[in-house]
N, C-alpha and C. Protein backbone atom coordinates (compact mmCIF):
# COMPACT_ATOMS: atom_id res chain seq x y z
N UNK A 1 -4.75 1.45 3.51
CA UNK A 1 -5.66 0.89 2.53
C UNK A 1 -6.09 1.96 1.54
N UNK A 2 -6.29 3.17 2.04
CA UNK A 2 -6.69 4.27 1.16
C UNK A 2 -5.61 4.61 0.16
N UNK A 3 -4.36 4.62 0.58
CA UNK A 3 -3.26 4.93 -0.34
C UNK A 3 -3.11 3.84 -1.39
N UNK A 4 -3.23 2.59 -0.99
CA UNK A 4 -3.14 1.49 -1.95
C UNK A 4 -4.30 1.56 -2.93
N UNK A 5 -5.48 1.81 -2.42
CA UNK A 5 -6.65 1.94 -3.30
C UNK A 5 -6.51 3.09 -4.27
N UNK A 6 -5.97 4.22 -3.81
CA UNK A 6 -5.78 5.36 -4.70
C UNK A 6 -4.78 5.03 -5.79
N UNK A 7 -3.73 4.32 -5.46
CA UNK A 7 -2.74 3.95 -6.47
C UNK A 7 -3.33 2.97 -7.48
N UNK A 8 -4.09 2.01 -7.01
CA UNK A 8 -4.64 1.01 -7.91
C UNK A 8 -5.78 1.56 -8.77
N UNK A 9 -6.58 2.45 -8.22
CA UNK A 9 -7.77 2.91 -8.94
C UNK A 9 -7.58 4.23 -9.68
N UNK A 10 -6.74 5.10 -9.18
CA UNK A 10 -6.70 6.44 -9.75
C UNK A 10 -5.31 6.87 -10.23
N UNK A 11 -4.32 6.72 -9.37
CA UNK A 11 -3.00 7.26 -9.66
C UNK A 11 -2.16 6.40 -10.58
N UNK A 12 -2.25 5.11 -10.39
CA UNK A 12 -1.36 4.19 -11.10
C UNK A 12 -0.21 3.81 -10.17
N UNK A 13 0.48 2.75 -10.52
CA UNK A 13 1.58 2.27 -9.68
C UNK A 13 2.75 3.24 -9.72
N UNK A 14 3.11 3.69 -10.90
CA UNK A 14 4.22 4.63 -11.07
C UNK A 14 3.65 6.04 -11.18
N UNK A 15 4.06 6.90 -10.27
CA UNK A 15 3.60 8.29 -10.26
C UNK A 15 4.81 9.20 -10.45
N UNK A 16 4.77 10.03 -11.47
CA UNK A 16 5.85 10.98 -11.77
C UNK A 16 7.23 10.31 -11.83
N UNK A 17 7.29 9.19 -12.51
CA UNK A 17 8.55 8.46 -12.72
C UNK A 17 9.28 8.09 -11.43
N UNK A 18 8.52 7.70 -10.40
CA UNK A 18 9.16 7.28 -9.14
C UNK A 18 9.50 5.80 -9.13
N UNK A 19 9.15 5.08 -10.17
CA UNK A 19 9.45 3.66 -10.25
C UNK A 19 8.60 2.80 -9.32
N UNK A 20 7.50 3.32 -8.87
CA UNK A 20 6.62 2.57 -7.97
C UNK A 20 7.01 2.67 -6.51
N UNK A 21 7.91 3.61 -6.18
CA UNK A 21 8.38 3.74 -4.80
C UNK A 21 7.25 4.09 -3.85
N UNK A 22 6.40 5.05 -4.20
CA UNK A 22 5.32 5.44 -3.29
C UNK A 22 4.33 4.30 -3.07
N UNK A 23 4.05 3.55 -4.13
CA UNK A 23 3.15 2.41 -3.99
C UNK A 23 3.76 1.35 -3.09
N UNK A 24 5.05 1.06 -3.28
CA UNK A 24 5.69 0.04 -2.45
C UNK A 24 5.78 0.49 -0.99
N UNK A 25 5.97 1.78 -0.76
CA UNK A 25 5.96 2.28 0.62
C UNK A 25 4.57 2.15 1.24
N UNK A 26 3.53 2.40 0.45
CA UNK A 26 2.16 2.24 0.95
C UNK A 26 1.89 0.78 1.32
N UNK A 27 2.37 -0.14 0.51
CA UNK A 27 2.19 -1.57 0.80
C UNK A 27 2.97 -1.96 2.05
N UNK A 28 4.18 -1.41 2.20
CA UNK A 28 5.00 -1.72 3.38
C UNK A 28 4.35 -1.20 4.65
N UNK A 29 3.81 0.01 4.60
CA UNK A 29 3.13 0.57 5.78
C UNK A 29 1.89 -0.24 6.10
N UNK A 30 1.15 -0.66 5.08
CA UNK A 30 -0.05 -1.47 5.31
C UNK A 30 0.33 -2.80 5.97
N UNK A 31 1.40 -3.42 5.48
CA UNK A 31 1.84 -4.69 6.06
C UNK A 31 2.29 -4.54 7.50
N UNK A 32 3.05 -3.49 7.78
CA UNK A 32 3.50 -3.25 9.15
C UNK A 32 2.31 -2.97 10.07
N UNK A 33 1.34 -2.22 9.58
CA UNK A 33 0.14 -1.94 10.38
C UNK A 33 -0.65 -3.21 10.64
N UNK A 34 -0.74 -4.07 9.65
CA UNK A 34 -1.45 -5.34 9.84
C UNK A 34 -0.74 -6.20 10.89
N UNK A 35 0.58 -6.17 10.90
CA UNK A 35 1.33 -6.92 11.92
C UNK A 35 1.06 -6.37 13.32
N UNK A 36 1.04 -5.06 13.46
CA UNK A 36 0.77 -4.45 14.77
C UNK A 36 -0.64 -4.80 15.23
N UNK A 37 -1.61 -4.74 14.32
CA UNK A 37 -2.99 -5.09 14.68
C UNK A 37 -3.06 -6.55 15.10
N UNK A 38 -2.36 -7.44 14.41
CA UNK A 38 -2.39 -8.86 14.76
C UNK A 38 -1.75 -9.10 16.13
N UNK A 39 -0.63 -8.45 16.39
CA UNK A 39 0.06 -8.63 17.66
C UNK A 39 -0.79 -8.11 18.82
N UNK A 40 -1.46 -7.00 18.63
CA UNK A 40 -2.26 -6.39 19.69
C UNK A 40 -3.76 -6.62 19.53
N UNK A 41 -4.14 -7.71 18.86
CA UNK A 41 -5.55 -7.96 18.56
C UNK A 41 -6.43 -8.09 19.79
N UNK A 42 -5.89 -8.54 20.90
CA UNK A 42 -6.72 -8.68 22.10
C UNK A 42 -7.01 -7.34 22.76
N UNK A 43 -6.28 -6.30 22.38
CA UNK A 43 -6.49 -4.97 22.97
C UNK A 43 -7.44 -4.10 22.17
N UNK A 44 -7.95 -4.59 21.06
CA UNK A 44 -8.85 -3.80 20.22
C UNK A 44 -10.21 -3.74 20.91
N UNK A 45 -10.74 -2.52 21.15
CA UNK A 45 -12.05 -2.42 21.80
C UNK A 45 -13.13 -3.09 20.95
N UNK A 46 -14.08 -3.69 21.58
CA UNK A 46 -15.22 -4.40 21.01
C UNK A 46 -14.78 -5.62 20.20
N UNK A 47 -14.04 -5.44 19.11
CA UNK A 47 -13.64 -6.57 18.27
C UNK A 47 -12.68 -7.50 19.00
N UNK A 48 -11.75 -6.95 19.76
CA UNK A 48 -10.78 -7.77 20.46
C UNK A 48 -11.44 -8.66 21.50
N UNK A 49 -12.44 -8.14 22.17
CA UNK A 49 -13.12 -8.92 23.19
C UNK A 49 -14.06 -9.94 22.58
N UNK A 50 -14.65 -9.62 21.46
CA UNK A 50 -15.62 -10.52 20.84
C UNK A 50 -14.95 -11.66 20.09
N UNK A 51 -13.94 -11.37 19.29
CA UNK A 51 -13.35 -12.37 18.41
C UNK A 51 -12.05 -12.97 18.93
N UNK A 52 -11.30 -12.21 19.70
CA UNK A 52 -9.99 -12.67 20.16
C UNK A 52 -9.96 -12.63 21.68
N UNK A 53 -10.64 -13.55 22.32
CA UNK A 53 -10.74 -13.53 23.77
C UNK A 53 -9.52 -14.10 24.46
N UNK A 54 -8.51 -14.50 23.70
CA UNK A 54 -7.28 -14.99 24.30
C UNK A 54 -7.25 -16.49 24.48
N UNK A 55 -8.35 -17.17 24.34
CA UNK A 55 -8.37 -18.61 24.54
C UNK A 55 -7.64 -19.35 23.44
N UNK A 56 -7.68 -18.84 22.22
CA UNK A 56 -7.04 -19.53 21.11
C UNK A 56 -5.52 -19.48 21.21
N UNK A 57 -4.98 -18.47 21.88
CA UNK A 57 -3.53 -18.31 21.96
C UNK A 57 -2.96 -18.85 23.26
N UNK A 58 -3.78 -19.16 24.23
CA UNK A 58 -3.27 -19.64 25.51
C UNK A 58 -3.01 -21.14 25.43
N UNK A 59 -2.03 -21.62 26.17
CA UNK A 59 -1.75 -23.07 26.13
C UNK A 59 -2.91 -23.86 26.70
N UNK A 60 -3.07 -25.04 26.18
CA UNK A 60 -4.17 -25.91 26.63
C UNK A 60 -3.93 -26.38 28.05
N UNK A 61 -4.98 -26.37 28.83
CA UNK A 61 -4.89 -26.86 30.20
C UNK A 61 -5.71 -28.12 30.32
N UNK A 62 -5.25 -29.05 31.13
CA UNK A 62 -6.02 -30.30 31.27
C UNK A 62 -7.36 -30.03 31.92
N UNK A 63 -8.35 -30.77 31.48
CA UNK A 63 -9.69 -30.56 32.05
C UNK A 63 -9.73 -31.15 33.46
N UNK A 64 -10.58 -30.58 34.26
CA UNK A 64 -10.66 -31.01 35.67
C UNK A 64 -11.94 -31.80 35.90
N UNK A 65 -12.25 -32.74 35.02
CA UNK A 65 -13.45 -33.57 35.19
C UNK A 65 -13.18 -34.65 36.21
N UNK A 66 -14.19 -34.96 36.97
CA UNK A 66 -14.04 -36.01 37.99
C UNK A 66 -14.87 -37.19 37.66
């Protein structure tokens, strides 16, 4: 996020005639990191337990009401 912010706010998309390569690499790394965080969201300390308790991803089980 810091690299993307630096490119958007300070450096510009194209730096030293690279054609935007560094910016696109920063976006790719951010996207890959977001995927890893999403896949391992239940393992995140504090946030994983509070927001992603695993119930939303587990298959529904029939209720045992009598």
